[in-house]
Structures are given as C-alpha cells and as structure tokens.
Amino acid sequence: MTRTRVTALVAAAAALLLSACGTTENAATPAASSSSASGPVTVTDSRGKQVTLKAPATKVVGLEWGEVEMLVSLGVMPVGVADTKGYGTWVTAAKLDAGVKDVGTRAEPSVDSIVALQPDLVVMEDDRGGALVTQLEKYVPVIVTKGSDAKDNLGRMRSDLNLIAQAVGKTTEAEKLLADFDAAIADGKKKIADAGAAGRPFAIADGWKEGSTVSIRMFGQGALVSQLGIQLGLTNAWTGKTDEVWGLGQTDVEGLTGLKDPNLHFFYNASDGDDVFADGLASNAIWKSLPFVKQGNLHRMPDGIWTFGGPLSGKQYIDQLVKTYTV
C-alpha cells in the first residue's frame, strides 16, 4: 500500500471527520531573494517561517519520498533519506545513488542518524509533527513543505518544488521540470481528445488486507494523481467522502458498486507486491460483477510510480493514463 499504514489510517480517519486543512492561498512559496546563487538564501516554508542558509544547500536529508524525488530531479542527490529501501520500491522516476544513507523510517526518522551526516538542510513535510522539527532545528536548518492540499494539489506540488529549488539553488532546473510537466499534460490532453475519450470516467485506488477483510483507499477529486487525470480531460467517478489534505477516502468492495459506467477504467498501485485486488478479491462475487472488472478495464499501474510524487512521477502517471484511453 502507498505511503505508510499509519498515514493510511490517519487519512481514513480524516475522511470521516473532514478535518480542516490549509487552503491553496496558504501554500508555501519561496520568499524573494536578491542573493546570488552562491550567497545566502532565504525561503519561507509552509509554516510561514523564514529559513536562511549561508549558501544554497548541497548536503540535504529528505524525510519524505515526494520531496526526495524533487531533490533528485533537481540534480541534488540527498546524503540521507528516510527508508531508502522503500523509496527504491515505490519511486522509479528519480533513483537514489547507492551511497545515500538510510536515516530510519518516514514515521520515525533517527535524529542521531540525520545529525551524524552533518547536512546543510533537512527537508520534511508538515504532517510529521512539531516535536521532530524542534529536535532537528537544534542542529540543522529545516524547511517544511506542505506535502498535500486537496484543494489544489497541483498548485501545491509546484509550490513545494519551487521552495526546495530555491533552498538548493536550482530554480532554473525547477522551471524546466515544470515546463516539461505542463507540456506532457497539454500533449496528453490533446491525444485523449483526438481519441474521442475526453470526459471518460476513471477511478484510482490502493488497498490492504487484514485477515479476510479488504480495505480500499480511493483517490478522490483532490488527490494529486486524480488531478492529473482531470487535467487530461478525464472525469474522476469517485464521489465519496475524502479528507481535505490528501483527497483520500476509504471504502470496501460493496462501496465500489456505484461505479457503474461501462467505460470506466480502474487503476491501482501495488508496488510492494501486495496485490489485494488480484489476490484478495479474485473470488469475491461482488467484485467480479463490477462493470470495470467484467469489461477488463482493471489496470495495475507499473511498479514504482509514486502517487504522492513530483513532476517526474506525475509524468509517469500521465503516460499510463494516456496510453489507456488512446488505444
């Protein structure tokens, strides 16, 4: 399943409670700086905190995979990453060098391991908690990205990328990444429209099994990968409750019976090999009766396409969606 089980459960609870989340207007944006690329850099992160570095950071530790992907895609190989093995399983768009050090899990990174690397900067998301930030800031500058915002996740992704890019002195590289990303969306949208598939429905999910119970996590309108599909001119058919941060909701196989359109394609990710849709539901009568299953419109995404990533993972998703709707 994607992200961590802890995150999945938090997201599910948030979906039920519809807890509040920061708006797009509050997304982190880099503060203006007149410094040269080799001089001091000041950025304002998602906390609204100004962080000043003596120079663009070159020794960086990343504690969440979306931000790690952004660093690598900008040309900055982190010296340390939380759960390097997991990153290698779930993220193929921007691979890590073999020498990158593992600094613990994403849920509980090791402060000692991070500090031992003597980084110039630590990059983390704001859902990891203030206690960790306080500990780390005793030893090293920290910038906190927003990580997700279901009100505008594509805008949030751009903001997070630009924040990181300014901190590491790679703003030109960020501009190119985003230009290539925008071009991929425009090209994909045209191909889908030319194929007569504009407006066609899709659904995206992942899931896990506990005992005999299969739980399904749906990616609603505001989820990052959902917004990619919508930008391509497609329609997310899932209208159930979702949380306001990640755009995720939880259901079971019975909850999928509302997905009735015979043209709907259902996509899912199982990069860790735990394919609950193929293995956990293969003999389920309700599952087998669903139109997208009967029509053969069920698609396991290629392993290693991160659903919470940056522009490069986004382009991988775009490629898969376009390929499906233009055959």
Protein backbone atom coordinates (compact mmCIF):
# COMPACT_ATOMS: atom_id res chain seq x y z
CA MET A 1 0.00 0.00 0.00
CA THR A 2 1.20 3.54 -0.62
CA ARG A 3 2.80 5.84 1.96
CA THR A 4 2.71 4.16 5.41
CA ARG A 5 -0.03 2.24 7.19
CA VAL A 6 -0.08 4.99 9.80
CA THR A 7 -0.66 7.60 7.11
CA ALA A 8 -3.38 5.46 5.56
CA LEU A 9 -5.25 5.20 8.83
CA VAL A 10 -4.86 8.91 9.52
CA ALA A 11 -6.15 9.70 6.06
CA ALA A 12 -9.12 7.38 6.56
CA ALA A 13 -9.97 9.00 9.87
CA ALA A 14 -9.64 12.41 8.33
CA ALA A 15 -12.01 11.37 5.58
CA LEU A 16 -14.65 10.55 8.16
CA LEU A 17 -14.08 13.67 10.20
CA LEU A 18 -13.48 16.04 7.27
CA SER A 19 -10.89 17.81 9.35
CA ALA A 20 -9.74 21.27 8.27
CA CYS A 21 -6.76 21.86 6.02
CA GLY A 22 -4.81 24.87 4.81
CA THR A 23 -6.01 26.40 1.56
CA THR A 24 -4.13 26.87 -1.66
CA GLU A 25 -3.60 30.52 -0.80
CA ASN A 26 -1.60 29.45 2.24
CA ALA A 27 0.69 27.10 0.30
CA ALA A 28 4.37 27.63 0.89
CA THR A 29 6.02 29.95 -1.61
CA PRO A 30 9.69 30.88 -1.68
CA ALA A 31 10.47 34.33 -0.34
CA ALA A 32 12.02 36.74 -2.81
CA SER A 33 15.78 36.86 -2.60
CA SER A 34 18.27 39.05 -4.40
CA SER A 35 21.20 36.86 -3.34
CA SER A 36 23.43 35.27 -5.92
CA ALA A 37 23.41 31.51 -6.40
CA SER A 38 26.47 31.19 -4.16
CA GLY A 39 25.37 33.64 -1.48
CA PRO A 40 22.84 33.49 1.36
CA VAL A 41 19.37 32.17 0.58
CA THR A 42 16.18 32.91 2.50
CA VAL A 43 12.96 30.98 1.93
CA THR A 44 9.59 30.96 3.68
CA ASP A 45 8.27 27.44 4.23
CA SER A 46 4.78 26.04 4.85
CA ARG A 47 4.90 27.11 8.49
CA GLY A 48 5.31 30.72 7.39
CA LYS A 49 8.80 30.57 8.88
CA GLN A 50 11.75 32.24 7.19
CA VAL A 51 14.77 29.96 6.96
CA THR A 52 18.11 31.50 5.99
CA LEU A 53 21.02 29.43 4.68
CA LYS A 54 24.57 30.74 4.28
CA ALA A 55 24.54 29.34 0.74
CA PRO A 56 22.30 27.03 -1.33
CA ALA A 57 22.26 23.66 0.40
CA THR A 58 24.27 20.83 -1.14
CA LYS A 59 24.18 18.24 1.67
CA VAL A 60 20.47 17.59 2.14
CA VAL A 61 18.49 14.98 4.05
CA GLY A 62 14.95 14.20 2.83
CA LEU A 63 12.39 12.64 5.15
CA GLU A 64 9.51 12.12 2.72
CA TRP A 65 9.69 10.49 -0.70
CA GLY A 66 7.90 13.16 -2.71
CA GLU A 67 10.43 15.74 -1.57
CA VAL A 68 13.31 13.31 -2.11
CA GLU A 69 12.13 12.77 -5.68
CA MET A 70 12.07 16.53 -6.17
CA LEU A 71 15.62 16.89 -4.85
CA VAL A 72 16.99 14.20 -7.14
CA SER A 73 15.10 15.56 -10.16
CA LEU A 74 16.63 18.99 -9.46
CA GLY A 75 20.10 17.46 -9.55
CA VAL A 76 20.71 17.30 -5.80
CA MET A 77 21.39 13.77 -4.56
CA PRO A 78 20.48 13.63 -0.85
CA VAL A 79 23.08 12.43 1.62
CA GLY A 80 20.35 10.80 3.70
CA VAL A 81 16.79 9.59 3.09
CA ALA A 82 14.16 8.02 5.34
CA ASP A 83 13.63 4.39 4.30
CA THR A 84 15.86 4.15 1.23
CA LYS A 85 14.70 0.60 0.51
CA GLY A 86 11.06 1.65 0.45
CA TYR A 87 11.91 4.58 -1.79
CA GLY A 88 13.56 2.19 -4.24
CA THR A 89 10.40 0.06 -4.28
CA TRP A 90 7.86 2.82 -4.73
CA VAL A 91 9.72 5.53 -6.67
CA THR A 92 11.44 4.90 -10.01
CA ALA A 93 11.20 8.36 -11.56
CA ALA A 94 14.31 9.67 -9.75
CA LYS A 95 16.58 6.92 -8.43
CA LEU A 96 18.94 7.21 -5.48
CA ASP A 97 22.67 6.61 -5.62
CA ALA A 98 23.86 3.53 -3.76
CA GLY A 99 25.74 5.65 -1.23
CA VAL A 100 22.69 7.50 0.13
CA LYS A 101 22.36 6.74 3.84
CA ASP A 102 19.17 5.40 5.41
CA VAL A 103 18.11 7.57 8.37
CA GLY A 104 15.26 5.45 9.68
CA THR A 105 11.58 5.21 8.81
CA ARG A 106 9.48 8.07 7.49
CA ALA A 107 7.22 7.79 10.52
CA GLU A 108 10.16 7.79 12.97
CA PRO A 109 13.40 9.03 11.42
CA SER A 110 16.52 8.91 13.58
CA VAL A 111 17.64 12.37 14.68
CA ASP A 112 21.05 10.95 15.60
CA SER A 113 21.50 9.44 12.12
CA ILE A 114 20.48 12.69 10.46
CA VAL A 115 22.78 14.86 12.55
CA ALA A 116 25.70 12.47 12.05
CA LEU A 117 25.61 13.25 8.31
CA GLN A 118 26.22 16.96 9.07
CA PRO A 119 23.70 18.14 6.45
CA ASP A 120 23.23 21.74 5.35
CA LEU A 121 19.46 21.24 5.32
CA VAL A 122 16.66 18.83 6.20
CA VAL A 123 13.51 18.77 4.07
CA MET A 124 10.33 17.29 5.58
CA GLU A 125 6.55 17.52 5.35
CA ASP A 126 4.31 19.30 7.82
CA ASP A 127 2.42 16.12 8.80
CA ARG A 128 5.46 14.76 10.67
CA GLY A 129 4.85 16.89 13.76
CA GLY A 130 6.40 19.84 15.54
CA ALA A 131 8.40 17.78 18.02
CA LEU A 132 10.63 16.37 15.29
CA VAL A 133 11.18 19.82 13.79
CA THR A 134 12.14 21.22 17.19
CA GLN A 135 14.65 18.43 17.76
CA LEU A 136 16.24 18.80 14.34
CA GLU A 137 16.44 22.59 14.41
CA LYS A 138 18.80 22.40 17.37
CA TYR A 139 21.41 21.08 14.93
CA VAL A 140 20.46 21.88 11.32
CA PRO A 141 18.20 24.20 9.28
CA VAL A 142 14.86 22.62 8.38
CA ILE A 143 12.33 23.56 5.72
CA VAL A 144 8.84 22.11 5.94
CA THR A 145 6.84 21.59 2.77
CA LYS A 146 3.07 21.34 2.69
CA GLY A 147 3.14 17.85 1.18
CA SER A 148 -0.51 17.79 0.09
CA ASP A 149 -3.55 20.03 -0.26
CA ALA A 150 -6.68 18.53 -1.79
CA LYS A 151 -7.97 21.99 -2.69
CA ASP A 152 -5.18 22.39 -5.26
CA ASN A 153 -2.63 19.60 -5.18
CA LEU A 154 -1.03 20.50 -8.50
CA GLY A 155 -0.51 24.08 -7.33
CA ARG A 156 0.82 22.76 -4.04
CA MET A 157 3.26 20.46 -5.84
CA ARG A 158 4.60 23.40 -7.84
CA SER A 159 4.95 25.48 -4.69
CA ASP A 160 6.80 22.71 -2.82
CA LEU A 161 9.14 22.15 -5.77
CA ASN A 162 9.91 25.87 -6.06
CA LEU A 163 10.54 26.12 -2.31
CA ILE A 164 13.04 23.26 -2.42
CA ALA A 165 14.62 24.56 -5.63
CA GLN A 166 15.35 27.96 -4.13
CA ALA A 167 16.83 26.39 -0.99
CA VAL A 168 19.25 24.31 -3.09
CA GLY A 169 19.93 26.94 -5.76
CA LYS A 170 18.20 25.06 -8.58
CA THR A 171 15.43 27.43 -9.69
CA THR A 172 16.32 27.13 -13.38
CA GLU A 173 16.08 23.35 -13.14
CA ALA A 174 12.68 23.68 -11.44
CA GLU A 175 11.40 25.89 -14.25
CA LYS A 176 12.40 23.26 -16.81
CA LEU A 177 10.84 20.41 -14.82
CA LEU A 178 7.54 22.28 -14.62
CA ALA A 179 7.66 23.33 -18.28
CA ASP A 180 8.17 19.69 -19.33
CA PHE A 181 5.38 18.62 -16.97
CA ASP A 182 2.97 21.19 -18.42
CA ALA A 183 3.88 20.11 -21.95
CA ALA A 184 3.14 16.48 -21.04
CA ILE A 185 -0.30 17.44 -19.75
CA ALA A 186 -1.09 19.51 -22.85
CA ASP A 187 0.10 16.76 -25.19
CA GLY A 188 -1.78 14.07 -23.27
CA LYS A 189 -5.00 16.09 -23.19
CA LYS A 190 -4.85 16.55 -26.96
CA LYS A 191 -4.22 12.85 -27.56
CA ILE A 192 -7.16 11.87 -25.35
CA ALA A 193 -9.44 14.39 -27.06
CA ASP A 194 -8.31 13.22 -30.52
CA ALA A 195 -9.14 9.66 -29.48
CA GLY A 196 -12.68 10.72 -28.56
CA ALA A 197 -12.08 9.87 -24.90
CA ALA A 198 -12.49 13.33 -23.35
CA GLY A 199 -14.76 13.17 -20.31
CA ARG A 200 -14.37 9.41 -19.89
CA PRO A 201 -14.51 8.22 -16.25
CA PHE A 202 -11.67 6.84 -14.18
CA ALA A 203 -11.08 5.71 -10.60
CA ILE A 204 -7.78 5.25 -8.75
CA ALA A 205 -7.23 3.24 -5.58
CA ASP A 206 -4.92 1.17 -3.49
CA GLY A 207 -5.73 -1.21 -0.67
CA TRP A 208 -4.66 -3.63 2.01
CA LYS A 209 -5.91 -6.82 3.60
CA GLU A 210 -6.25 -7.60 7.29
CA GLY A 211 -7.41 -11.13 7.88
CA SER A 212 -10.20 -11.69 5.37
CA THR A 213 -11.13 -8.00 5.19
CA VAL A 214 -10.01 -5.93 2.21
CA SER A 215 -9.94 -2.17 2.77
CA ILE A 216 -9.84 0.07 -0.29
CA ARG A 217 -8.44 3.58 -0.30
CA MET A 218 -9.94 5.74 -3.04
CA PHE A 219 -8.22 8.76 -4.56
CA GLY A 220 -10.88 11.46 -4.72
CA GLN A 221 -11.14 14.64 -6.77
CA GLY A 222 -8.43 16.45 -4.83
CA ALA A 223 -5.80 13.71 -4.73
CA LEU A 224 -2.69 14.54 -6.73
CA VAL A 225 -2.99 11.70 -9.24
CA SER A 226 -6.71 12.37 -9.61
CA GLN A 227 -5.98 15.98 -10.52
CA LEU A 228 -3.61 14.73 -13.20
CA GLY A 229 -6.45 12.75 -14.78
CA ILE A 230 -8.81 15.70 -14.56
CA GLN A 231 -6.22 17.97 -16.22
CA LEU A 232 -6.05 15.45 -19.07
CA GLY A 233 -9.78 15.96 -19.65
CA LEU A 234 -10.97 12.82 -17.87
CA THR A 235 -13.57 12.58 -15.06
CA ASN A 236 -12.98 11.07 -11.63
CA ALA A 237 -16.02 8.89 -10.99
CA TRP A 238 -15.41 8.52 -7.25
CA THR A 239 -17.64 10.96 -5.35
CA GLY A 240 -17.43 9.51 -1.85
CA LYS A 241 -16.14 11.35 1.20
CA THR A 242 -12.45 12.24 1.23
CA ASP A 243 -10.19 14.16 3.58
CA GLU A 244 -9.21 17.76 2.82
CA VAL A 245 -5.44 17.21 2.91
CA TRP A 246 -4.77 14.15 0.76
CA GLY A 247 -8.09 13.79 -1.05
CA LEU A 248 -8.34 10.17 0.11
CA GLY A 249 -11.36 8.16 1.21
CA GLN A 250 -11.92 4.64 2.47
CA THR A 251 -14.43 2.05 1.32
CA ASP A 252 -14.90 -1.68 0.79
CA VAL A 253 -15.85 -3.76 -2.22
CA GLU A 254 -19.55 -3.05 -1.71
CA GLY A 255 -18.75 0.66 -1.89
CA LEU A 256 -17.48 0.22 -5.44
CA THR A 257 -20.88 -0.83 -6.76
CA GLY A 258 -21.65 2.81 -7.56
CA LEU A 259 -19.01 2.73 -10.30
CA LYS A 260 -21.45 1.59 -12.98
CA ASP A 261 -20.20 3.24 -16.17
CA PRO A 262 -19.03 0.51 -18.60
CA ASN A 263 -16.39 2.91 -19.98
CA LEU A 264 -14.76 3.42 -16.57
CA HIS A 265 -11.13 2.37 -16.14
CA PHE A 266 -9.99 1.45 -12.62
CA PHE A 267 -6.29 1.98 -11.79
CA TYR A 268 -4.43 0.77 -8.73
CA ASN A 269 -0.90 0.61 -7.34
CA ALA A 270 0.67 -2.43 -5.66
CA SER A 271 4.39 -1.77 -5.94
CA ASP A 272 5.21 -3.73 -2.78
CA GLY A 273 3.74 -6.89 -4.32
CA ASP A 274 0.71 -6.97 -2.02
CA ASP A 275 -1.98 -7.02 -4.73
CA VAL A 276 -5.22 -7.18 -2.77
CA PHE A 277 -7.34 -6.67 -5.89
CA ALA A 278 -5.92 -9.68 -7.73
CA ASP A 279 -5.33 -11.88 -4.69
CA GLY A 280 -7.84 -10.74 -2.09
CA LEU A 281 -10.89 -10.19 -4.30
CA ALA A 282 -10.43 -12.71 -7.10
CA SER A 283 -13.23 -14.95 -5.78
CA ASN A 284 -15.48 -12.18 -4.44
CA ALA A 285 -18.83 -12.26 -6.25
CA ILE A 286 -19.47 -8.53 -5.86
CA TRP A 287 -16.02 -7.69 -7.22
CA LYS A 288 -16.45 -9.98 -10.22
CA SER A 289 -19.81 -8.36 -11.01
CA LEU A 290 -18.40 -4.82 -11.24
CA PRO A 291 -18.54 -3.47 -14.82
CA PHE A 292 -14.89 -2.43 -14.96
CA VAL A 293 -13.84 -5.91 -13.86
CA LYS A 294 -16.13 -7.67 -16.33
CA GLN A 295 -15.03 -5.35 -19.15
CA GLY A 296 -11.35 -5.92 -18.46
CA ASN A 297 -10.86 -2.25 -17.55
CA LEU A 298 -8.83 -3.03 -14.42
CA HIS A 299 -5.24 -1.76 -14.55
CA ARG A 300 -2.41 -2.41 -12.13
CA MET A 301 -0.01 0.50 -12.54
CA PRO A 302 3.62 -0.43 -13.31
CA ASP A 303 5.54 -0.84 -10.07
CA GLY A 304 7.41 2.20 -8.80
CA ILE A 305 5.13 5.05 -9.89
CA TRP A 306 4.77 7.15 -6.74
CA THR A 307 1.26 8.51 -6.25
CA PHE A 308 2.45 11.34 -3.98
CA GLY A 309 5.44 12.49 -6.00
CA GLY A 310 6.70 15.40 -8.04
CA PRO A 311 6.67 16.27 -11.75
CA LEU A 312 8.61 13.17 -12.86
CA SER A 313 6.26 10.72 -11.12
CA GLY A 314 3.39 12.83 -12.43
CA LYS A 315 4.61 12.34 -15.99
CA GLN A 316 4.72 8.59 -15.41
CA TYR A 317 1.06 8.66 -14.38
CA ILE A 318 0.19 10.85 -17.36
CA ASP A 319 1.83 8.34 -19.70
CA GLN A 320 -0.19 5.45 -18.27
CA LEU A 321 -3.49 7.31 -18.40
CA VAL A 322 -2.93 8.49 -21.97
CA LYS A 323 -1.91 5.03 -23.12
CA THR A 324 -5.06 3.51 -21.62
CA TYR A 325 -7.52 5.99 -23.12
CA THR A 326 -5.98 6.22 -26.59
CA VAL A 327 -5.69 2.55 -27.57
